[in-house]
Amino acid sequence: MMHEAMNPRIDTHATEIKTVGRTGEISLGKRYAGKTLRLERFKDGPIVLTAVALVPESHLWTLAEPDRSRIERGVDWATKTSTAETDIDALLKRQARKAPRQSARRR
């Protein structure tokens, strides 16, 4: 039979004994205050709490391809590319050249 000190996945230095209160609650300490946890209950008795991050539905597209790869490439480019001050006048001139010209009849 293997006990937790033999299990390489368990950091025995972090093992604590907690007592469940009358209301069914345990205190995990300030480290977990305000965090969202997933609770897994195993048939043979153990429970596992895992800190999780929830993604709003409106942001799920950032986790799916091809957007995820595009975002990763953009972040990679941004970390490798040094910043430079923008020449606003040159930028405005470039935009003016690209803008479609309106005909006199549309006014």
C-alpha atoms as a PDB file:
ATOM      1  CA  MET A   1       0.000   0.000   0.000  1.00  0.00           C
ATOM      2  CA  MET A   2       1.368   3.414  -0.980  1.00  0.00           C
ATOM      3  CA  HIS A   3       1.018   6.359   1.399  1.00  0.00           C
ATOM      4  CA  GLU A   4       1.254  10.026   0.459  1.00  0.00           C
ATOM      5  CA  ALA A   5       4.976  10.306   1.276  1.00  0.00           C
ATOM      6  CA  MET A   6       5.597   7.733  -1.461  1.00  0.00           C
ATOM      7  CA  ASN A   7       3.456   9.533  -4.037  1.00  0.00           C
ATOM      8  CA  PRO A   8       5.691  11.758  -6.220  1.00  0.00           C
ATOM      9  CA  ARG A   9       2.721  14.013  -7.111  1.00  0.00           C
ATOM     10  CA  ILE A  10       2.158  15.093  -3.512  1.00  0.00           C
ATOM     11  CA  ASP A  11       4.369  17.737  -1.937  1.00  0.00           C
ATOM     12  CA  THR A  12       4.499  16.350   1.598  1.00  0.00           C
ATOM     13  CA  HIS A  13       5.721  19.705   2.910  1.00  0.00           C
ATOM     14  CA  ALA A  14       2.324  21.176   2.035  1.00  0.00           C
ATOM     15  CA  THR A  15       0.239  18.428   3.636  1.00  0.00           C
ATOM     16  CA  GLU A  16      -2.082  19.714   6.345  1.00  0.00           C
ATOM     17  CA  ILE A  17      -4.823  18.260   8.488  1.00  0.00           C
ATOM     18  CA  LYS A  18      -8.054  20.261   8.372  1.00  0.00           C
ATOM     19  CA  THR A  19     -11.211  19.768  10.397  1.00  0.00           C
ATOM     20  CA  VAL A  20     -14.542  20.288   8.700  1.00  0.00           C
ATOM     21  CA  GLY A  21     -16.733  22.623  10.753  1.00  0.00           C
ATOM     22  CA  ARG A  22     -20.352  22.027  11.693  1.00  0.00           C
ATOM     23  CA  THR A  23     -21.535  23.879   8.591  1.00  0.00           C
ATOM     24  CA  GLY A  24     -19.402  21.708   6.298  1.00  0.00           C
ATOM     25  CA  GLU A  25     -16.752  24.346   5.666  1.00  0.00           C
ATOM     26  CA  ILE A  26     -12.978  24.242   5.894  1.00  0.00           C
ATOM     27  CA  SER A  27     -10.554  27.160   5.847  1.00  0.00           C
ATOM     28  CA  LEU A  28      -7.866  26.969   3.181  1.00  0.00           C
ATOM     29  CA  GLY A  29      -6.110  30.167   4.227  1.00  0.00           C
ATOM     30  CA  LYS A  30      -5.628  33.540   2.584  1.00  0.00           C
ATOM     31  CA  ARG A  31      -3.747  32.032  -0.357  1.00  0.00           C
ATOM     32  CA  TYR A  32      -7.039  30.750  -1.751  1.00  0.00           C
ATOM     33  CA  ALA A  33      -9.269  33.634  -0.665  1.00  0.00           C
ATOM     34  CA  GLY A  34     -11.535  34.689  -3.524  1.00  0.00           C
ATOM     35  CA  LYS A  35     -10.311  31.906  -5.864  1.00  0.00           C
ATOM     36  CA  THR A  36     -12.551  29.552  -7.781  1.00  0.00           C
ATOM     37  CA  LEU A  37     -11.875  25.888  -7.079  1.00  0.00           C
ATOM     38  CA  ARG A  38     -12.935  22.692  -8.823  1.00  0.00           C
ATOM     39  CA  LEU A  39     -13.987  19.984  -6.362  1.00  0.00           C
ATOM     40  CA  GLU A  40     -13.472  16.370  -7.445  1.00  0.00           C
ATOM     41  CA  ARG A  41     -14.988  13.625  -5.303  1.00  0.00           C
ATOM     42  CA  PHE A  42     -13.659  10.139  -5.919  1.00  0.00           C
ATOM     43  CA  LYS A  43     -15.733   7.031  -5.276  1.00  0.00           C
ATOM     44  CA  ASP A  44     -13.154   5.605  -2.872  1.00  0.00           C
ATOM     45  CA  GLY A  45     -13.286   8.717  -0.647  1.00  0.00           C
ATOM     46  CA  PRO A  46     -10.586  11.241  -1.587  1.00  0.00           C
ATOM     47  CA  ILE A  47     -11.447  14.749  -2.677  1.00  0.00           C
ATOM     48  CA  VAL A  48      -9.224  17.024  -4.729  1.00  0.00           C
ATOM     49  CA  LEU A  49      -9.503  20.808  -4.903  1.00  0.00           C
ATOM     50  CA  THR A  50      -7.880  22.475  -7.899  1.00  0.00           C
ATOM     51  CA  ALA A  51      -7.672  26.229  -8.448  1.00  0.00           C
ATOM     52  CA  VAL A  52      -9.206  27.111 -11.819  1.00  0.00           C
ATOM     53  CA  ALA A  53      -9.644  30.183 -13.972  1.00  0.00           C
ATOM     54  CA  LEU A  54     -13.007  30.649 -15.651  1.00  0.00           C
ATOM     55  CA  VAL A  55     -13.233  32.178 -19.105  1.00  0.00           C
ATOM     56  CA  PRO A  56     -16.301  34.274 -19.948  1.00  0.00           C
ATOM     57  CA  GLU A  57     -18.252  32.898 -22.931  1.00  0.00           C
ATOM     58  CA  SER A  58     -17.592  36.111 -24.822  1.00  0.00           C
ATOM     59  CA  HIS A  59     -13.834  35.357 -24.659  1.00  0.00           C
ATOM     60  CA  LEU A  60     -13.951  31.667 -25.587  1.00  0.00           C
ATOM     61  CA  TRP A  61     -13.028  32.520 -29.182  1.00  0.00           C
ATOM     62  CA  THR A  62      -9.527  33.432 -27.947  1.00  0.00           C
ATOM     63  CA  LEU A  63      -8.944  29.771 -27.006  1.00  0.00           C
ATOM     64  CA  ALA A  64     -10.029  28.297 -30.347  1.00  0.00           C
ATOM     65  CA  GLU A  65      -8.026  28.056 -33.555  1.00  0.00           C
ATOM     66  CA  PRO A  66      -7.141  29.977 -35.650  1.00  0.00           C
ATOM     67  CA  ASP A  67      -7.516  32.913 -33.257  1.00  0.00           C
ATOM     68  CA  ARG A  68      -5.418  31.335 -30.496  1.00  0.00           C
ATOM     69  CA  SER A  69      -2.387  30.941 -32.786  1.00  0.00           C
ATOM     70  CA  ARG A  70      -2.807  34.464 -34.143  1.00  0.00           C
ATOM     71  CA  ILE A  71      -2.916  35.887 -30.625  1.00  0.00           C
ATOM     72  CA  GLU A  72       0.164  33.875 -29.612  1.00  0.00           C
ATOM     73  CA  ARG A  73       2.059  35.105 -32.696  1.00  0.00           C
ATOM     74  CA  GLY A  74       1.053  38.686 -31.925  1.00  0.00           C
ATOM     75  CA  VAL A  75       2.195  38.426 -28.306  1.00  0.00           C
ATOM     76  CA  ASP A  76       5.446  36.788 -29.443  1.00  0.00           C
ATOM     77  CA  TRP A  77       6.036  39.582 -31.974  1.00  0.00           C
ATOM     78  CA  ALA A  78       5.289  42.240 -29.340  1.00  0.00           C
ATOM     79  CA  THR A  79       7.786  40.747 -26.879  1.00  0.00           C
ATOM     80  CA  LYS A  80      10.542  40.566 -29.518  1.00  0.00           C
ATOM     81  CA  THR A  81       9.909  43.918 -31.211  1.00  0.00           C
ATOM     82  CA  SER A  82      11.325  47.028 -29.623  1.00  0.00           C
ATOM     83  CA  THR A  83       9.037  49.987 -29.226  1.00  0.00           C
ATOM     84  CA  ALA A  84       9.415  53.102 -31.338  1.00  0.00           C
ATOM     85  CA  GLU A  85       7.737  56.472 -31.224  1.00  0.00           C
ATOM     86  CA  THR A  86       5.126  56.984 -33.930  1.00  0.00           C
ATOM     87  CA  ASP A  87       5.574  59.878 -36.348  1.00  0.00           C
ATOM     88  CA  ILE A  88       1.973  61.122 -36.321  1.00  0.00           C
ATOM     89  CA  ASP A  89       2.443  63.457 -39.302  1.00  0.00           C
ATOM     90  CA  ALA A  90       3.811  60.652 -41.490  1.00  0.00           C
ATOM     91  CA  LEU A  91       1.012  58.352 -40.370  1.00  0.00           C
ATOM     92  CA  LEU A  92      -1.662  60.933 -41.242  1.00  0.00           C
ATOM     93  CA  LYS A  93      -0.105  61.546 -44.679  1.00  0.00           C
ATOM     94  CA  ARG A  94      -0.086  57.806 -45.376  1.00  0.00           C
ATOM     95  CA  GLN A  95      -3.747  57.525 -44.327  1.00  0.00           C
ATOM     96  CA  ALA A  96      -4.721  60.484 -46.512  1.00  0.00           C
ATOM     97  CA  ARG A  97      -3.153  58.772 -49.560  1.00  0.00           C
ATOM     98  CA  LYS A  98      -5.072  55.549 -48.835  1.00  0.00           C
ATOM     99  CA  ALA A  99      -8.461  57.220 -48.267  1.00  0.00           C
ATOM    100  CA  PRO A 100     -10.830  56.950 -51.254  1.00  0.00           C
ATOM    101  CA  ARG A 101     -11.461  60.274 -52.919  1.00  0.00           C
ATOM    102  CA  GLN A 102     -15.053  61.451 -52.927  1.00  0.00           C
ATOM    103  CA  SER A 103     -16.495  62.770 -56.164  1.00  0.00           C
ATOM    104  CA  ALA A 104     -18.038  66.236 -56.273  1.00  0.00           C
ATOM    105  CA  ARG A 105     -21.518  64.701 -56.951  1.00  0.00           C
ATOM    106  CA  ARG A 106     -21.668  62.951 -53.552  1.00  0.00           C
ATOM    107  CA  ARG A 107     -21.512  66.114 -51.534  1.00  0.00           C
END
